[in-house]
PDB file of N, CA and C in Angstrom:
ATOM      1  N   UNK A   1       6.904  -8.885  26.784  1.00  0.00           N
ATOM      2  CA  UNK A   1       7.254  -9.226  28.124  1.00  0.00           C
ATOM      3  C   UNK A   1       5.977  -8.720  29.042  1.00  0.00           C
ATOM      4  N   UNK A   2       4.752  -7.674  28.726  1.00  0.00           N
ATOM      5  CA  UNK A   2       4.138  -7.061  29.444  1.00  0.00           C
ATOM      6  C   UNK A   2       3.102  -8.217  28.926  1.00  0.00           C
ATOM      7  N   UNK A   3       3.207  -8.758  28.139  1.00  0.00           N
ATOM      8  CA  UNK A   3       1.935  -9.780  28.331  1.00  0.00           C
ATOM      9  C   UNK A   3       2.437 -11.171  29.033  1.00  0.00           C
ATOM     10  N   UNK A   4       3.059 -11.184  28.878  1.00  0.00           N
ATOM     11  CA  UNK A   4       3.875 -12.613  29.962  1.00  0.00           C
ATOM     12  C   UNK A   4       3.536 -12.568  31.153  1.00  0.00           C
ATOM     13  N   UNK A   5       4.191 -11.372  31.914  1.00  0.00           N
ATOM     14  CA  UNK A   5       4.437 -11.106  33.357  1.00  0.00           C
ATOM     15  C   UNK A   5       3.592 -10.234  34.085  1.00  0.00           C
ATOM     16  N   UNK A   6       3.842  -9.268  33.371  1.00  0.00           N
ATOM     17  CA  UNK A   6       3.965  -7.135  34.004  1.00  0.00           C
ATOM     18  C   UNK A   6       2.788  -6.659  33.807  1.00  0.00           C
ATOM     19  N   UNK A   7       1.940  -6.424  34.564  1.00  0.00           N
ATOM     20  CA  UNK A   7       1.041  -5.536  34.593  1.00  0.00           C
ATOM     21  C   UNK A   7       1.813  -3.861  34.544  1.00  0.00           C
ATOM     22  N   UNK A   8       1.070  -3.028  34.183  1.00  0.00           N
ATOM     23  CA  UNK A   8       1.905  -1.494  34.353  1.00  0.00           C
ATOM     24  C   UNK A   8       1.272  -0.988  35.662  1.00  0.00           C
ATOM     25  N   UNK A   9       2.060   0.128  36.153  1.00  0.00           N
ATOM     26  CA  UNK A   9       1.884   0.074  37.409  1.00  0.00           C
ATOM     27  C   UNK A   9       1.643  -0.911  38.574  1.00  0.00           C
ATOM     28  N   UNK A  10       2.681  -1.984  38.423  1.00  0.00           N
ATOM     29  CA  UNK A  10       2.388  -3.019  38.999  1.00  0.00           C
ATOM     30  C   UNK A  10       3.559  -3.724  40.235  1.00  0.00           C
ATOM     31  N   UNK A  11       4.629  -2.331  40.339  1.00  0.00           N
ATOM     32  CA  UNK A  11       5.734  -2.509  41.250  1.00  0.00           C
ATOM     33  C   UNK A  11       5.997  -1.579  42.306  1.00  0.00           C
ATOM     34  N   UNK A  12       6.121  -1.468  42.849  1.00  0.00           N
ATOM     35  CA  UNK A  12       6.732  -0.540  43.707  1.00  0.00           C
ATOM     36  C   UNK A  12       8.001   0.516  43.760  1.00  0.00           C
ATOM     37  N   UNK A  13       8.942  -0.285  42.998  1.00  0.00           N
ATOM     38  CA  UNK A  13       9.978   0.909  42.615  1.00  0.00           C
ATOM     39  C   UNK A  13      11.024  -0.347  41.194  1.00  0.00           C
ATOM     40  N   UNK A  14      12.070   0.375  41.093  1.00  0.00           N
ATOM     41  CA  UNK A  14      12.567   0.139  39.825  1.00  0.00           C
ATOM     42  C   UNK A  14      13.380  -0.830  40.397  1.00  0.00           C
ATOM     43  N   UNK A  15      13.808  -1.656  41.172  1.00  0.00           N
ATOM     44  CA  UNK A  15      14.147  -2.798  41.516  1.00  0.00           C
ATOM     45  C   UNK A  15      13.710  -4.085  41.599  1.00  0.00           C
ATOM     46  N   UNK A  16      12.540  -3.778  41.669  1.00  0.00           N
ATOM     47  CA  UNK A  16      11.126  -4.750  41.782  1.00  0.00           C
ATOM     48  C   UNK A  16      11.103  -5.162  40.130  1.00  0.00           C
ATOM     49  N   UNK A  17      11.411  -3.855  39.794  1.00  0.00           N
ATOM     50  CA  UNK A  17      10.838  -4.136  37.955  1.00  0.00           C
ATOM     51  C   UNK A  17      12.400  -4.940  37.912  1.00  0.00           C
ATOM     52  N   UNK A  18      13.264  -4.926  38.198  1.00  0.00           N
ATOM     53  CA  UNK A  18      14.242  -5.432  37.473  1.00  0.00           C
ATOM     54  C   UNK A  18      14.785  -7.250  38.115  1.00  0.00           C
ATOM     55  N   UNK A  19      14.127  -7.083  39.463  1.00  0.00           N
ATOM     56  CA  UNK A  19      14.258  -8.466  39.988  1.00  0.00           C
ATOM     57  C   UNK A  19      12.918  -9.606  39.100  1.00  0.00           C
ATOM     58  N   UNK A  20      11.486  -8.910  38.533  1.00  0.00           N
ATOM     59  CA  UNK A  20      10.981  -9.563  37.908  1.00  0.00           C
ATOM     60  C   UNK A  20      11.233  -9.851  36.381  1.00  0.00           C
ATOM     61  N   UNK A  21      12.506  -8.888  35.773  1.00  0.00           N
ATOM     62  CA  UNK A  21      12.524  -8.864  34.578  1.00  0.00           C
ATOM     63  C   UNK A  21      14.019 -10.190  34.830  1.00  0.00           C
ATOM     64  N   UNK A  22      14.376 -10.246  35.587  1.00  0.00           N
ATOM     65  CA  UNK A  22      15.570 -11.411  36.086  1.00  0.00           C
ATOM     66  C   UNK A  22      15.208 -12.762  36.036  1.00  0.00           C
ATOM     67  N   UNK A  23      13.688 -13.054  36.828  1.00  0.00           N
ATOM     68  CA  UNK A  23      13.312 -13.874  37.002  1.00  0.00           C
ATOM     69  C   UNK A  23      12.611 -14.671  35.553  1.00  0.00           C
ATOM     70  N   UNK A  24      11.577 -13.703  34.846  1.00  0.00           N
ATOM     71  CA  UNK A  24      11.661 -14.105  34.216  1.00  0.00           C
ATOM     72  C   UNK A  24      12.282 -14.774  32.914  1.00  0.00           C
ATOM     73  N   UNK A  25      13.354 -14.124  32.802  1.00  0.00           N
ATOM     74  CA  UNK A  25      14.709 -14.331  31.751  1.00  0.00           C
ATOM     75  C   UNK A  25      15.057 -15.814  32.062  1.00  0.00           C
ATOM     76  N   UNK A  26      15.640 -16.223  33.501  1.00  0.00           N
ATOM     77  CA  UNK A  26      15.894 -17.428  34.053  1.00  0.00           C
ATOM     78  C   UNK A  26      14.700 -18.222  33.796  1.00  0.00           C
ATOM     79  N   UNK A  27      13.099 -17.963  33.909  1.00  0.00           N
ATOM     80  CA  UNK A  27      12.427 -19.332  33.493  1.00  0.00           C
ATOM     81  C   UNK A  27      12.257 -19.355  32.384  1.00  0.00           C
ATOM     82  N   UNK A  28      12.716 -18.014  31.575  1.00  0.00           N
ATOM     83  CA  UNK A  28      12.333 -18.210  29.824  1.00  0.00           C
ATOM     84  C   UNK A  28      13.433 -19.064  29.460  1.00  0.00           C
ATOM     85  N   UNK A  29      14.787 -18.681  29.885  1.00  0.00           N
ATOM     86  CA  UNK A  29      15.857 -19.852  29.356  1.00  0.00           C
ATOM     87  C   UNK A  29      15.795 -20.901  29.476  1.00  0.00           C
ATOM     88  N   UNK A  30      14.834 -21.724  30.804  1.00  0.00           N
ATOM     89  CA  UNK A  30      15.631 -23.397  31.251  1.00  0.00           C
ATOM     90  C   UNK A  30      14.639 -23.770  29.865  1.00  0.00           C
ATOM     91  N   UNK A  31      13.040 -22.577  29.348  1.00  0.00           N
ATOM     92  CA  UNK A  31      12.141 -23.730  28.559  1.00  0.00           C
ATOM     93  C   UNK A  31      12.670 -23.475  27.294  1.00  0.00           C
ATOM     94  N   UNK A  32      13.084 -22.642  26.623  1.00  0.00           N
ATOM     95  CA  UNK A  32      13.202 -21.727  25.318  1.00  0.00           C
ATOM     96  C   UNK A  32      13.729 -23.198  24.433  1.00  0.00           C
ATOM     97  N   UNK A  33      13.401 -23.049  23.499  1.00  0.00           N
ATOM     98  CA  UNK A  33      13.990 -23.724  22.401  1.00  0.00           C
ATOM     99  C   UNK A  33      14.329 -23.240  21.083  1.00  0.00           C
ATOM    100  N   UNK A  34      15.191 -23.388  20.018  1.00  0.00           N
ATOM    101  CA  UNK A  34      15.384 -23.091  19.053  1.00  0.00           C
ATOM    102  C   UNK A  34      14.645 -23.445  18.083  1.00  0.00           C
ATOM    103  N   UNK A  35      14.632 -22.203  17.085  1.00  0.00           N
ATOM    104  CA  UNK A  35      13.216 -22.943  16.239  1.00  0.00           C
ATOM    105  C   UNK A  35      13.752 -22.850  14.706  1.00  0.00           C
ATOM    106  N   UNK A  36      13.676 -23.819  13.970  1.00  0.00           N
ATOM    107  CA  UNK A  36      14.172 -23.330  12.463  1.00  0.00           C
ATOM    108  C   UNK A  36      13.201 -22.534  11.133  1.00  0.00           C
ATOM    109  N   UNK A  37      14.791 -21.847  10.716  1.00  0.00           N
ATOM    110  CA  UNK A  37      13.868 -20.623   9.774  1.00  0.00           C
ATOM    111  C   UNK A  37      13.732 -21.302   9.075  1.00  0.00           C
ATOM    112  N   UNK A  38      12.262 -20.914   8.233  1.00  0.00           N
ATOM    113  CA  UNK A  38      11.910 -21.658   7.192  1.00  0.00           C
ATOM    114  C   UNK A  38      12.287 -20.864   5.580  1.00  0.00           C
ATOM    115  N   UNK A  39      12.039 -19.497   5.672  1.00  0.00           N
ATOM    116  CA  UNK A  39      13.199 -18.440   4.842  1.00  0.00           C
ATOM    117  C   UNK A  39      14.424 -18.539   4.618  1.00  0.00           C
ATOM    118  N   UNK A  40      14.966 -18.885   3.225  1.00  0.00           N
ATOM    119  CA  UNK A  40      16.272 -18.965   2.876  1.00  0.00           C
ATOM    120  C   UNK A  40      16.950 -17.832   2.702  1.00  0.00           C
ATOM    121  N   UNK A  41      18.584 -17.406   2.290  1.00  0.00           N
ATOM    122  CA  UNK A  41      18.591 -16.472   1.868  1.00  0.00           C
ATOM    123  C   UNK A  41      18.234 -16.218   0.538  1.00  0.00           C
ATOM    124  N   UNK A  42      17.788 -16.832  -0.388  1.00  0.00           N
ATOM    125  CA  UNK A  42      17.663 -16.184  -1.455  1.00  0.00           C
ATOM    126  C   UNK A  42      16.213 -16.179  -1.508  1.00  0.00           C
ATOM    127  N   UNK A  43      14.889 -16.990  -0.248  1.00  0.00           N
ATOM    128  CA  UNK A  43      13.931 -16.022  -0.069  1.00  0.00           C
ATOM    129  C   UNK A  43      14.236 -14.413   0.183  1.00  0.00           C
ATOM    130  N   UNK A  44      14.894 -14.256   1.171  1.00  0.00           N
ATOM    131  CA  UNK A  44      15.186 -12.908   1.940  1.00  0.00           C
ATOM    132  C   UNK A  44      15.599 -12.428   0.597  1.00  0.00           C
ATOM    133  N   UNK A  45      16.027 -12.689  -0.328  1.00  0.00           N
ATOM    134  CA  UNK A  45      17.092 -11.930  -1.853  1.00  0.00           C
ATOM    135  C   UNK A  45      15.908 -11.426  -1.960  1.00  0.00           C
ATOM    136  N   UNK A  46      15.357 -12.326  -2.544  1.00  0.00           N
ATOM    137  CA  UNK A  46      14.221 -12.066  -3.769  1.00  0.00           C
ATOM    138  C   UNK A  46      12.949 -11.096  -2.491  1.00  0.00           C
ATOM    139  N   UNK A  47      12.454 -11.026  -1.509  1.00  0.00           N
ATOM    140  CA  UNK A  47      11.920 -10.373  -0.767  1.00  0.00           C
ATOM    141  C   UNK A  47      12.214  -9.069  -0.813  1.00  0.00           C
ATOM    142  N   UNK A  48      13.409  -8.981  -0.370  1.00  0.00           N
ATOM    143  CA  UNK A  48      14.125  -7.540  -0.502  1.00  0.00           C
ATOM    144  C   UNK A  48      14.035  -7.245  -1.647  1.00  0.00           C
ATOM    145  N   UNK A  49      14.278  -7.580  -2.940  1.00  0.00           N
ATOM    146  CA  UNK A  49      14.387  -7.321  -4.432  1.00  0.00           C
ATOM    147  C   UNK A  49      12.929  -6.575  -4.931  1.00  0.00           C
ATOM    148  N   UNK A  50      11.349  -7.354  -4.247  1.00  0.00           N
ATOM    149  CA  UNK A  50      10.470  -7.146  -4.566  1.00  0.00           C
ATOM    150  C   UNK A  50      10.156  -5.613  -3.407  1.00  0.00           C
ATOM    151  N   UNK A  51      10.162  -5.821  -2.244  1.00  0.00           N
ATOM    152  CA  UNK A  51      10.192  -4.779  -1.789  1.00  0.00           C
ATOM    153  C   UNK A  51      10.782  -3.109  -2.179  1.00  0.00           C
ATOM    154  N   UNK A  52      12.273  -3.601  -2.262  1.00  0.00           N
ATOM    155  CA  UNK A  52      12.794  -2.193  -3.270  1.00  0.00           C
ATOM    156  C   UNK A  52      12.180  -2.234  -4.325  1.00  0.00           C
ATOM    157  N   UNK A  53      11.482  -2.951  -5.418  1.00  0.00           N
ATOM    158  CA  UNK A  53      10.787  -2.236  -6.848  1.00  0.00           C
ATOM    159  C   UNK A  53       9.781  -1.443  -6.236  1.00  0.00           C
ATOM    160  N   UNK A  54       8.888  -2.160  -5.352  1.00  0.00           N
ATOM    161  CA  UNK A  54       7.707  -1.640  -4.697  1.00  0.00           C
ATOM    162  C   UNK A  54       7.871  -0.532  -4.207  1.00  0.00           C
ATOM    163  N   UNK A  55       9.031  -0.040  -3.255  1.00  0.00           N
ATOM    164  CA  UNK A  55       8.980   1.226  -2.624  1.00  0.00           C
ATOM    165  C   UNK A  55       9.605   2.174  -4.126  1.00  0.00           C
ATOM    166  N   UNK A  56      10.160   1.915  -5.313  1.00  0.00           N
ATOM    167  CA  UNK A  56      10.718   2.598  -6.393  1.00  0.00           C
ATOM    168  C   UNK A  56       9.311   2.964  -7.156  1.00  0.00           C
ATOM    169  N   UNK A  57       8.919   2.241  -7.145  1.00  0.00           N
ATOM    170  CA  UNK A  57       7.315   2.567  -7.677  1.00  0.00           C
ATOM    171  C   UNK A  57       6.565   3.558  -6.869  1.00  0.00           C
ATOM    172  N   UNK A  58       6.597   3.095  -6.289  1.00  0.00           N
ATOM    173  CA  UNK A  58       5.596   4.499  -5.307  1.00  0.00           C
ATOM    174  C   UNK A  58       6.430   5.861  -5.036  1.00  0.00           C
ATOM    175  N   UNK A  59       7.666   5.362  -4.523  1.00  0.00           N
ATOM    176  CA  UNK A  59       8.445   7.468  -4.733  1.00  0.00           C
ATOM    177  C   UNK A  59       8.107   7.793  -6.639  1.00  0.00           C
ATOM    178  N   UNK A  60       8.114   6.842  -7.307  1.00  0.00           N
ATOM    179  CA  UNK A  60       8.113   7.307  -9.059  1.00  0.00           C
ATOM    180  C   UNK A  60       6.657   8.262  -8.949  1.00  0.00           C
ATOM    181  N   UNK A  61       5.651   7.719  -8.058  1.00  0.00           N
ATOM    182  CA  UNK A  61       4.092   8.085  -8.118  1.00  0.00           C
ATOM    183  C   UNK A  61       4.122   9.235  -7.111  1.00  0.00           C
ATOM    184  N   UNK A  62       4.714   9.072  -6.326  1.00  0.00           N
ATOM    185  CA  UNK A  62       4.602  10.796  -5.624  1.00  0.00           C
ATOM    186  C   UNK A  62       5.702  11.784  -6.046  1.00  0.00           C
ATOM    187  N   UNK A  63       6.328  11.938  -6.946  1.00  0.00           N
ATOM    188  CA  UNK A  63       7.304  12.865  -7.865  1.00  0.00           C
ATOM    189  C   UNK A  63       6.242  13.815  -8.468  1.00  0.00           C
ATOM    190  N   UNK A  64       6.188  14.754  -8.528  1.00  0.00           N
ATOM    191  CA  UNK A  64       5.427  15.677  -8.925  1.00  0.00           C
ATOM    192  C   UNK A  64       5.673  15.750 -10.495  1.00  0.00           C
ATOM    193  N   UNK A  65       4.716  15.960 -11.415  1.00  0.00           N
ATOM    194  CA  UNK A  65       5.761  15.754 -12.805  1.00  0.00           C
ATOM    195  C   UNK A  65       5.529  16.987 -13.499  1.00  0.00           C
ATOM    196  N   UNK A  66       6.662  16.858 -14.287  1.00  0.00           N
ATOM    197  CA  UNK A  66       7.218  18.344 -14.686  1.00  0.00           C
ATOM    198  C   UNK A  66       6.156  19.154 -15.851  1.00  0.00           C
ATOM    199  N   UNK A  67       5.862  20.151 -15.803  1.00  0.00           N
ATOM    200  CA  UNK A  67       4.908  20.734 -15.978  1.00  0.00           C
ATOM    201  C   UNK A  67       5.245  22.007 -16.392  1.00  0.00           C
TER     202      UNK A  67
END
């Protein structure tokens, strides 16, 4: 939001912020279009599996060795 229309300390009160947000929402909703996801369920499952494996390896590295 900030990059689109809001600058820090740009408002007198919260009511002005609320109105600006409502105006932005209304304007954005008139031009917004849905987009197509390219990531399939299978792709997501594979990614999560790889992340899990990576986290398990990291956890194993972080474990103190028994001495």
